[in-house]
Amino acid sequence: MSLKIEKKNAETLALEGRLDTLTAPELEAEISAMFPTVQTLTLDMEKLDYISSAGLRVILKTQKALEKKAGLKLTHVSNEVKEVFDITGFSDFLTIE
């Protein structure tokens, strides 16, 4: 499977598919390109089916980079992905709506 990244607006990316070792660099590159102009970033995860440790690393790196700005927000997180965030402790510091 693959990851589809749709730029919904200047500060929102919609993710669809799998965020894993093969697709995490694609998301990381997309986010890095946005850093100079964004104060906050929203990742719409409504259609994200799976996240691996590589995907978690991208989320953590993004969270840390945006701490001095307005931050990172995750929306429409599926139960499966939310469970990964809960088990890893990411739910304790991420903004999940």
PDB file of N, CA and C in Angstrom:
ATOM      1  N   MET A   1       0.833  -1.190   0.000  1.00  0.00           N
ATOM      2  CA  MET A   1       0.000   0.000   0.000  1.00  0.00           C
ATOM      3  C   MET A   1       0.868   1.241   0.000  1.00  0.00           C
ATOM      4  N   SER A   2       0.240   2.368  -0.126  1.00  0.00           N
ATOM      5  CA  SER A   2       0.973   3.619  -0.214  1.00  0.00           C
ATOM      6  C   SER A   2       0.296   4.677   0.651  1.00  0.00           C
ATOM      7  N   LEU A   3       0.881   5.832   0.621  1.00  0.00           N
ATOM      8  CA  LEU A   3       0.347   6.971   1.350  1.00  0.00           C
ATOM      9  C   LEU A   3      -0.002   8.055   0.346  1.00  0.00           C
ATOM     10  N   LYS A   4      -1.207   8.570   0.462  1.00  0.00           N
ATOM     11  CA  LYS A   4      -1.627   9.701  -0.351  1.00  0.00           C
ATOM     12  C   LYS A   4      -1.682  10.911   0.570  1.00  0.00           C
ATOM     13  N   ILE A   5      -1.032  11.990   0.166  1.00  0.00           N
ATOM     14  CA  ILE A   5      -1.017  13.222   0.952  1.00  0.00           C
ATOM     15  C   ILE A   5      -1.722  14.294   0.144  1.00  0.00           C
ATOM     16  N   GLU A   6      -2.788  14.829   0.706  1.00  0.00           N
ATOM     17  CA  GLU A   6      -3.531  15.898   0.034  1.00  0.00           C
ATOM     18  C   GLU A   6      -3.397  17.170   0.855  1.00  0.00           C
ATOM     19  N   LYS A   7      -2.937  18.225   0.208  1.00  0.00           N
ATOM     20  CA  LYS A   7      -2.841  19.517   0.882  1.00  0.00           C
ATOM     21  C   LYS A   7      -4.204  20.181   0.807  1.00  0.00           C
ATOM     22  N   LYS A   8      -4.921  20.182   1.946  1.00  0.00           N
ATOM     23  CA  LYS A   8      -6.281  20.726   1.979  1.00  0.00           C
ATOM     24  C   LYS A   8      -6.266  22.250   2.001  1.00  0.00           C
ATOM     25  N   ASN A   9      -5.300  22.811   2.691  1.00  0.00           N
ATOM     26  CA  ASN A   9      -5.088  24.259   2.719  1.00  0.00           C
ATOM     27  C   ASN A   9      -3.653  24.513   3.173  1.00  0.00           C
ATOM     28  N   ALA A  10      -3.312  25.748   3.454  1.00  0.00           N
ATOM     29  CA  ALA A  10      -1.930  26.096   3.770  1.00  0.00           C
ATOM     30  C   ALA A  10      -1.416  25.439   5.046  1.00  0.00           C
ATOM     31  N   GLU A  11      -2.321  24.990   5.919  1.00  0.00           N
ATOM     32  CA  GLU A  11      -1.885  24.422   7.193  1.00  0.00           C
ATOM     33  C   GLU A  11      -2.493  23.059   7.497  1.00  0.00           C
ATOM     34  N   THR A  12      -3.074  22.384   6.498  1.00  0.00           N
ATOM     35  CA  THR A  12      -3.704  21.090   6.725  1.00  0.00           C
ATOM     36  C   THR A  12      -3.315  20.093   5.646  1.00  0.00           C
ATOM     37  N   LEU A  13      -2.865  18.922   6.095  1.00  0.00           N
ATOM     38  CA  LEU A  13      -2.580  17.818   5.200  1.00  0.00           C
ATOM     39  C   LEU A  13      -3.505  16.662   5.553  1.00  0.00           C
ATOM     40  N   ALA A  14      -4.138  16.083   4.553  1.00  0.00           N
ATOM     41  CA  ALA A  14      -4.974  14.899   4.748  1.00  0.00           C
ATOM     42  C   ALA A  14      -4.159  13.680   4.327  1.00  0.00           C
ATOM     43  N   LEU A  15      -4.136  12.677   5.195  1.00  0.00           N
ATOM     44  CA  LEU A  15      -3.354  11.474   4.935  1.00  0.00           C
ATOM     45  C   LEU A  15      -4.288  10.307   4.645  1.00  0.00           C
ATOM     46  N   GLU A  16      -3.915   9.498   3.662  1.00  0.00           N
ATOM     47  CA  GLU A  16      -4.725   8.337   3.301  1.00  0.00           C
ATOM     48  C   GLU A  16      -3.795   7.163   3.013  1.00  0.00           C
ATOM     49  N   GLY A  17      -4.083   6.023   3.637  1.00  0.00           N
ATOM     50  CA  GLY A  17      -3.289   4.825   3.384  1.00  0.00           C
ATOM     51  C   GLY A  17      -2.460   4.432   4.589  1.00  0.00           C
ATOM     52  N   ARG A  18      -1.174   4.128   4.321  1.00  0.00           N
ATOM     53  CA  ARG A  18      -0.271   3.636   5.360  1.00  0.00           C
ATOM     54  C   ARG A  18       0.908   4.580   5.536  1.00  0.00           C
ATOM     55  N   LEU A  19       1.185   4.925   6.777  1.00  0.00           N
ATOM     56  CA  LEU A  19       2.352   5.734   7.112  1.00  0.00           C
ATOM     57  C   LEU A  19       3.364   4.783   7.743  1.00  0.00           C
ATOM     58  N   ASP A  20       4.313   4.338   6.923  1.00  0.00           N
ATOM     59  CA  ASP A  20       5.266   3.324   7.363  1.00  0.00           C
ATOM     60  C   ASP A  20       6.672   3.677   6.898  1.00  0.00           C
ATOM     61  N   THR A  21       7.577   2.724   6.968  1.00  0.00           N
ATOM     62  CA  THR A  21       8.977   2.945   6.618  1.00  0.00           C
ATOM     63  C   THR A  21       9.132   3.457   5.187  1.00  0.00           C
ATOM     64  N   LEU A  22       8.318   2.962   4.291  1.00  0.00           N
ATOM     65  CA  LEU A  22       8.429   3.360   2.882  1.00  0.00           C
ATOM     66  C   LEU A  22       7.828   4.728   2.605  1.00  0.00           C
ATOM     67  N   THR A  23       6.789   5.115   3.343  1.00  0.00           N
ATOM     68  CA  THR A  23       6.069   6.353   3.032  1.00  0.00           C
ATOM     69  C   THR A  23       6.400   7.509   3.969  1.00  0.00           C
ATOM     70  N   ALA A  24       6.998   7.226   5.124  1.00  0.00           N
ATOM     71  CA  ALA A  24       7.312   8.291   6.086  1.00  0.00           C
ATOM     72  C   ALA A  24       8.211   9.381   5.490  1.00  0.00           C
ATOM     73  N   PRO A  25       9.229   9.036   4.692  1.00  0.00           N
ATOM     74  CA  PRO A  25      10.060  10.099   4.102  1.00  0.00           C
ATOM     75  C   PRO A  25       9.267  11.060   3.214  1.00  0.00           C
ATOM     76  N   GLU A  26       8.248  10.550   2.551  1.00  0.00           N
ATOM     77  CA  GLU A  26       7.393  11.396   1.703  1.00  0.00           C
ATOM     78  C   GLU A  26       6.656  12.443   2.548  1.00  0.00           C
ATOM     79  N   LEU A  27       6.085  12.000   3.671  1.00  0.00           N
ATOM     80  CA  LEU A  27       5.386  12.930   4.565  1.00  0.00           C
ATOM     81  C   LEU A  27       6.369  13.909   5.183  1.00  0.00           C
ATOM     82  N   GLU A  28       7.522  13.414   5.591  1.00  0.00           N
ATOM     83  CA  GLU A  28       8.536  14.279   6.199  1.00  0.00           C
ATOM     84  C   GLU A  28       8.969  15.383   5.232  1.00  0.00           C
ATOM     85  N   ALA A  29       9.152  15.048   3.972  1.00  0.00           N
ATOM     86  CA  ALA A  29       9.529  16.039   2.961  1.00  0.00           C
ATOM     87  C   ALA A  29       8.427  17.076   2.760  1.00  0.00           C
ATOM     88  N   GLU A  30       7.187  16.621   2.731  1.00  0.00           N
ATOM     89  CA  GLU A  30       6.043  17.533   2.560  1.00  0.00           C
ATOM     90  C   GLU A  30       5.956  18.507   3.736  1.00  0.00           C
ATOM     91  N   ILE A  31       6.106  17.992   4.936  1.00  0.00           N
ATOM     92  CA  ILE A  31       6.039  18.834   6.137  1.00  0.00           C
ATOM     93  C   ILE A  31       7.210  19.803   6.181  1.00  0.00           C
ATOM     94  N   SER A  32       8.401  19.324   5.860  1.00  0.00           N
ATOM     95  CA  SER A  32       9.588  20.186   5.866  1.00  0.00           C
ATOM     96  C   SER A  32       9.432  21.361   4.912  1.00  0.00           C
ATOM     97  N   ALA A  33       8.818  21.129   3.780  1.00  0.00           N
ATOM     98  CA  ALA A  33       8.592  22.196   2.800  1.00  0.00           C
ATOM     99  C   ALA A  33       7.633  23.251   3.338  1.00  0.00           C
ATOM    100  N   MET A  34       6.764  22.850   4.270  1.00  0.00           N
ATOM    101  CA  MET A  34       5.766  23.779   4.819  1.00  0.00           C
ATOM    102  C   MET A  34       6.300  24.583   6.011  1.00  0.00           C
ATOM    103  N   PHE A  35       7.337  24.095   6.685  1.00  0.00           N
ATOM    104  CA  PHE A  35       7.823  24.722   7.921  1.00  0.00           C
ATOM    105  C   PHE A  35       8.065  26.230   7.842  1.00  0.00           C
ATOM    106  N   PRO A  36       8.677  26.735   6.781  1.00  0.00           N
ATOM    107  CA  PRO A  36       8.959  28.173   6.771  1.00  0.00           C
ATOM    108  C   PRO A  36       7.722  29.065   6.844  1.00  0.00           C
ATOM    109  N   THR A  37       6.569  28.560   6.430  1.00  0.00           N
ATOM    110  CA  THR A  37       5.392  29.422   6.345  1.00  0.00           C
ATOM    111  C   THR A  37       4.278  29.101   7.329  1.00  0.00           C
ATOM    112  N   VAL A  38       4.334  27.962   8.017  1.00  0.00           N
ATOM    113  CA  VAL A  38       3.233  27.594   8.911  1.00  0.00           C
ATOM    114  C   VAL A  38       3.545  27.887  10.372  1.00  0.00           C
ATOM    115  N   GLN A  39       2.503  28.274  11.094  1.00  0.00           N
ATOM    116  CA  GLN A  39       2.598  28.437  12.541  1.00  0.00           C
ATOM    117  C   GLN A  39       1.997  27.224  13.243  1.00  0.00           C
ATOM    118  N   THR A  40       1.020  26.634  12.588  1.00  0.00           N
ATOM    119  CA  THR A  40       0.369  25.435  13.103  1.00  0.00           C
ATOM    120  C   THR A  40       0.168  24.474  11.935  1.00  0.00           C
ATOM    121  N   LEU A  41       0.121  23.194  12.240  1.00  0.00           N
ATOM    122  CA  LEU A  41      -0.098  22.200  11.203  1.00  0.00           C
ATOM    123  C   LEU A  41      -1.143  21.216  11.698  1.00  0.00           C
ATOM    124  N   THR A  42      -2.114  20.927  10.848  1.00  0.00           N
ATOM    125  CA  THR A  42      -3.135  19.930  11.151  1.00  0.00           C
ATOM    126  C   THR A  42      -2.946  18.752  10.218  1.00  0.00           C
ATOM    127  N   LEU A  43      -2.891  17.557  10.795  1.00  0.00           N
ATOM    128  CA  LEU A  43      -2.857  16.334  10.007  1.00  0.00           C
ATOM    129  C   LEU A  43      -4.213  15.658  10.153  1.00  0.00           C
ATOM    130  N   ASP A  44      -4.959  15.615   9.071  1.00  0.00           N
ATOM    131  CA  ASP A  44      -6.269  14.972   9.043  1.00  0.00           C
ATOM    132  C   ASP A  44      -6.021  13.490   8.757  1.00  0.00           C
ATOM    133  N   MET A  45      -6.277  12.643   9.749  1.00  0.00           N
ATOM    134  CA  MET A  45      -5.960  11.219   9.647  1.00  0.00           C
ATOM    135  C   MET A  45      -7.194  10.343   9.433  1.00  0.00           C
ATOM    136  N   GLU A  46      -8.259  10.939   8.930  1.00  0.00           N
ATOM    137  CA  GLU A  46      -9.509  10.208   8.752  1.00  0.00           C
ATOM    138  C   GLU A  46      -9.327   8.937   7.915  1.00  0.00           C
ATOM    139  N   LYS A  47      -8.494   8.996   6.893  1.00  0.00           N
ATOM    140  CA  LYS A  47      -8.325   7.857   5.988  1.00  0.00           C
ATOM    141  C   LYS A  47      -6.974   7.175   6.163  1.00  0.00           C
ATOM    142  N   LEU A  48      -6.292   7.447   7.283  1.00  0.00           N
ATOM    143  CA  LEU A  48      -5.029   6.772   7.563  1.00  0.00           C
ATOM    144  C   LEU A  48      -5.340   5.433   8.221  1.00  0.00           C
ATOM    145  N   ASP A  49      -4.899   4.357   7.586  1.00  0.00           N
ATOM    146  CA  ASP A  49      -5.216   3.010   8.051  1.00  0.00           C
ATOM    147  C   ASP A  49      -4.197   2.451   9.030  1.00  0.00           C
ATOM    148  N   TYR A  50      -2.947   2.922   8.938  1.00  0.00           N
ATOM    149  CA  TYR A  50      -1.867   2.284   9.686  1.00  0.00           C
ATOM    150  C   TYR A  50      -0.747   3.291   9.913  1.00  0.00           C
ATOM    151  N   ILE A  51      -0.090   3.196  11.065  1.00  0.00           N
ATOM    152  CA  ILE A  51       1.093   4.002  11.340  1.00  0.00           C
ATOM    153  C   ILE A  51       2.131   3.112  12.018  1.00  0.00           C
ATOM    154  N   SER A  52       3.360   3.162  11.518  1.00  0.00           N
ATOM    155  CA  SER A  52       4.455   2.373  12.079  1.00  0.00           C
ATOM    156  C   SER A  52       5.351   3.277  12.917  1.00  0.00           C
ATOM    157  N   SER A  53       6.422   2.700  13.446  1.00  0.00           N
ATOM    158  CA  SER A  53       7.369   3.487  14.236  1.00  0.00           C
ATOM    159  C   SER A  53       8.014   4.586  13.396  1.00  0.00           C
ATOM    160  N   ALA A  54       8.184   4.344  12.108  1.00  0.00           N
ATOM    161  CA  ALA A  54       8.737   5.380  11.222  1.00  0.00           C
ATOM    162  C   ALA A  54       7.771   6.554  11.114  1.00  0.00           C
ATOM    163  N   GLY A  55       6.486   6.267  11.053  1.00  0.00           N
ATOM    164  CA  GLY A  55       5.479   7.323  11.030  1.00  0.00           C
ATOM    165  C   GLY A  55       5.441   8.078  12.348  1.00  0.00           C
ATOM    166  N   LEU A  56       5.568   7.339  13.445  1.00  0.00           N
ATOM    167  CA  LEU A  56       5.599   7.976  14.767  1.00  0.00           C
ATOM    168  C   LEU A  56       6.790   8.926  14.881  1.00  0.00           C
ATOM    169  N   ARG A  57       7.917   8.532  14.306  1.00  0.00           N
ATOM    170  CA  ARG A  57       9.112   9.389  14.341  1.00  0.00           C
ATOM    171  C   ARG A  57       8.852  10.709  13.622  1.00  0.00           C
ATOM    172  N   VAL A  58       8.176  10.661  12.487  1.00  0.00           N
ATOM    173  CA  VAL A  58       7.849  11.887  11.739  1.00  0.00           C
ATOM    174  C   VAL A  58       6.908  12.768  12.572  1.00  0.00           C
ATOM    175  N   ILE A  59       5.918  12.149  13.217  1.00  0.00           N
ATOM    176  CA  ILE A  59       4.980  12.900  14.058  1.00  0.00           C
ATOM    177  C   ILE A  59       5.728  13.555  15.220  1.00  0.00           C
ATOM    178  N   LEU A  60       6.608  12.798  15.875  1.00  0.00           N
ATOM    179  CA  LEU A  60       7.372  13.338  17.005  1.00  0.00           C
ATOM    180  C   LEU A  60       8.274  14.486  16.564  1.00  0.00           C
ATOM    181  N   LYS A  61       8.974  14.305  15.468  1.00  0.00           N
ATOM    182  CA  LYS A  61       9.862  15.350  14.944  1.00  0.00           C
ATOM    183  C   LYS A  61       9.068  16.616  14.611  1.00  0.00           C
ATOM    184  N   THR A  62       7.899  16.442  14.021  1.00  0.00           N
ATOM    185  CA  THR A  62       7.043  17.579  13.665  1.00  0.00           C
ATOM    186  C   THR A  62       6.538  18.282  14.919  1.00  0.00           C
ATOM    187  N   GLN A  63       6.103  17.498  15.907  1.00  0.00           N
ATOM    188  CA  GLN A  63       5.621  18.067  17.170  1.00  0.00           C
ATOM    189  C   GLN A  63       6.714  18.923  17.813  1.00  0.00           C
ATOM    190  N   LYS A  64       7.918  18.396  17.881  1.00  0.00           N
ATOM    191  CA  LYS A  64       9.031  19.135  18.498  1.00  0.00           C
ATOM    192  C   LYS A  64       9.363  20.400  17.721  1.00  0.00           C
ATOM    193  N   ALA A  65       9.332  20.320  16.397  1.00  0.00           N
ATOM    194  CA  ALA A  65       9.654  21.482  15.564  1.00  0.00           C
ATOM    195  C   ALA A  65       8.611  22.583  15.688  1.00  0.00           C
ATOM    196  N   LEU A  66       7.368  22.209  15.952  1.00  0.00           N
ATOM    197  CA  LEU A  66       6.287  23.205  16.029  1.00  0.00           C
ATOM    198  C   LEU A  66       5.975  23.644  17.457  1.00  0.00           C
ATOM    199  N   GLU A  67       6.686  23.124  18.448  1.00  0.00           N
ATOM    200  CA  GLU A  67       6.434  23.512  19.842  1.00  0.00           C
ATOM    201  C   GLU A  67       6.593  25.012  20.065  1.00  0.00           C
ATOM    202  N   LYS A  68       7.545  25.634  19.377  1.00  0.00           N
ATOM    203  CA  LYS A  68       7.804  27.055  19.557  1.00  0.00           C
ATOM    204  C   LYS A  68       6.826  27.909  18.745  1.00  0.00           C
ATOM    205  N   LYS A  69       6.058  27.249  17.901  1.00  0.00           N
ATOM    206  CA  LYS A  69       5.026  27.925  17.123  1.00  0.00           C
ATOM    207  C   LYS A  69       3.681  27.562  17.747  1.00  0.00           C
ATOM    208  N   ALA A  70       2.643  27.534  16.969  1.00  0.00           N
ATOM    209  CA  ALA A  70       1.306  27.233  17.495  1.00  0.00           C
ATOM    210  C   ALA A  70       1.076  25.739  17.693  1.00  0.00           C
ATOM    211  N   GLY A  71       1.873  24.876  17.056  1.00  0.00           N
ATOM    212  CA  GLY A  71       1.800  23.461  17.333  1.00  0.00           C
ATOM    213  C   GLY A  71       1.224  22.588  16.236  1.00  0.00           C
ATOM    214  N   LEU A  72       1.120  21.306  16.586  1.00  0.00           N
ATOM    215  CA  LEU A  72       0.619  20.272  15.701  1.00  0.00           C
ATOM    216  C   LEU A  72      -0.702  19.762  16.248  1.00  0.00           C
ATOM    217  N   LYS A  73      -1.655  19.527  15.344  1.00  0.00           N
ATOM    218  CA  LYS A  73      -2.956  18.997  15.739  1.00  0.00           C
ATOM    219  C   LYS A  73      -3.290  17.832  14.821  1.00  0.00           C
ATOM    220  N   LEU A  74      -3.779  16.739  15.407  1.00  0.00           N
ATOM    221  CA  LEU A  74      -4.215  15.576  14.645  1.00  0.00           C
ATOM    222  C   LEU A  74      -5.728  15.483  14.739  1.00  0.00           C
ATOM    223  N   THR A  75      -6.390  15.316  13.606  1.00  0.00           N
ATOM    224  CA  THR A  75      -7.850  15.241  13.606  1.00  0.00           C
ATOM    225  C   THR A  75      -8.323  13.950  12.961  1.00  0.00           C
ATOM    226  N   HIS A  76      -9.547  13.560  13.306  1.00  0.00           N
ATOM    227  CA  HIS A  76     -10.217  12.391  12.725  1.00  0.00           C
ATOM    228  C   HIS A  76      -9.353  11.130  12.801  1.00  0.00           C
ATOM    229  N   VAL A  77      -8.738  10.905  13.944  1.00  0.00           N
ATOM    230  CA  VAL A  77      -7.853   9.758  14.134  1.00  0.00           C
ATOM    231  C   VAL A  77      -8.709   8.498  14.333  1.00  0.00           C
ATOM    232  N   SER A  78      -8.436   7.467  13.543  1.00  0.00           N
ATOM    233  CA  SER A  78      -9.182   6.206  13.653  1.00  0.00           C
ATOM    234  C   SER A  78      -8.845   5.510  14.973  1.00  0.00           C
ATOM    235  N   ASN A  79      -9.686   4.591  15.371  1.00  0.00           N
ATOM    236  CA  ASN A  79      -9.451   3.847  16.609  1.00  0.00           C
ATOM    237  C   ASN A  79      -8.147   3.067  16.557  1.00  0.00           C
ATOM    238  N   GLU A  80      -7.815   2.495  15.400  1.00  0.00           N
ATOM    239  CA  GLU A  80      -6.597   1.714  15.258  1.00  0.00           C
ATOM    240  C   GLU A  80      -5.356   2.584  15.449  1.00  0.00           C
ATOM    241  N   VAL A  81      -5.326   3.739  14.818  1.00  0.00           N
ATOM    242  CA  VAL A  81      -4.186   4.649  14.940  1.00  0.00           C
ATOM    243  C   VAL A  81      -4.147   5.249  16.346  1.00  0.00           C
ATOM    244  N   LYS A  82      -5.307   5.581  16.897  1.00  0.00           N
ATOM    245  CA  LYS A  82      -5.374   6.126  18.262  1.00  0.00           C
ATOM    246  C   LYS A  82      -4.810   5.130  19.266  1.00  0.00           C
ATOM    247  N   GLU A  83      -5.072   3.855  19.051  1.00  0.00           N
ATOM    248  CA  GLU A  83      -4.547   2.820  19.940  1.00  0.00           C
ATOM    249  C   GLU A  83      -3.014   2.811  19.927  1.00  0.00           C
ATOM    250  N   VAL A  84      -2.419   3.000  18.758  1.00  0.00           N
ATOM    251  CA  VAL A  84      -0.956   3.081  18.656  1.00  0.00           C
ATOM    252  C   VAL A  84      -0.452   4.286  19.452  1.00  0.00           C
ATOM    253  N   PHE A  85      -1.128   5.425  19.317  1.00  0.00           N
ATOM    254  CA  PHE A  85      -0.740   6.616  20.081  1.00  0.00           C
ATOM    255  C   PHE A  85      -0.876   6.368  21.583  1.00  0.00           C
ATOM    256  N   ASP A  86      -1.925   5.671  21.986  1.00  0.00           N
ATOM    257  CA  ASP A  86      -2.138   5.376  23.408  1.00  0.00           C
ATOM    258  C   ASP A  86      -1.055   4.443  23.954  1.00  0.00           C
ATOM    259  N   ILE A  87      -0.770   3.380  23.232  1.00  0.00           N
ATOM    260  CA  ILE A  87       0.216   2.391  23.681  1.00  0.00           C
ATOM    261  C   ILE A  87       1.610   2.993  23.785  1.00  0.00           C
ATOM    262  N   THR A  88       1.960   3.866  22.859  1.00  0.00           N
ATOM    263  CA  THR A  88       3.298   4.454  22.836  1.00  0.00           C
ATOM    264  C   THR A  88       3.434   5.679  23.735  1.00  0.00           C
ATOM    265  N   GLY A  89       2.323   6.158  24.279  1.00  0.00           N
ATOM    266  CA  GLY A  89       2.360   7.344  25.125  1.00  0.00           C
ATOM    267  C   GLY A  89       2.272   8.650  24.350  1.00  0.00           C
ATOM    268  N   PHE A  90       2.147   8.576  23.049  1.00  0.00           N
ATOM    269  CA  PHE A  90       2.049   9.786  22.233  1.00  0.00           C
ATOM    270  C   PHE A  90       0.784  10.573  22.559  1.00  0.00           C
ATOM    271  N   SER A  91      -0.263   9.884  22.996  1.00  0.00           N
ATOM    272  CA  SER A  91      -1.515  10.560  23.347  1.00  0.00           C
ATOM    273  C   SER A  91      -1.329  11.541  24.498  1.00  0.00           C
ATOM    274  N   ASP A  92      -0.283  11.332  25.290  1.00  0.00           N
ATOM    275  CA  ASP A  92      -0.037  12.196  26.442  1.00  0.00           C
ATOM    276  C   ASP A  92       0.442  13.594  26.048  1.00  0.00           C
ATOM    277  N   PHE A  93       1.051  13.722  24.870  1.00  0.00           N
ATOM    278  CA  PHE A  93       1.589  15.042  24.501  1.00  0.00           C
ATOM    279  C   PHE A  93       1.087  15.566  23.165  1.00  0.00           C
ATOM    280  N   LEU A  94       0.366  14.765  22.404  1.00  0.00           N
ATOM    281  CA  LEU A  94      -0.170  15.236  21.128  1.00  0.00           C
ATOM    282  C   LEU A  94      -1.559  15.840  21.322  1.00  0.00           C
ATOM    283  N   THR A  95      -1.901  16.788  20.481  1.00  0.00           N
ATOM    284  CA  THR A  95      -3.254  17.330  20.460  1.00  0.00           C
ATOM    285  C   THR A  95      -4.046  16.520  19.446  1.00  0.00           C
ATOM    286  N   ILE A  96      -4.971  15.700  19.960  1.00  0.00           N
ATOM    287  CA  ILE A  96      -5.771  14.822  19.106  1.00  0.00           C
ATOM    288  C   ILE A  96      -7.231  15.223  19.255  1.00  0.00           C
ATOM    289  N   GLU A  97      -7.842  15.576  18.145  1.00  0.00           N
ATOM    290  CA  GLU A  97      -9.250  16.001  18.149  1.00  0.00           C
ATOM    291  C   GLU A  97     -10.090  15.072  17.310  1.00  0.00           C
TER     292      GLU A  97
END
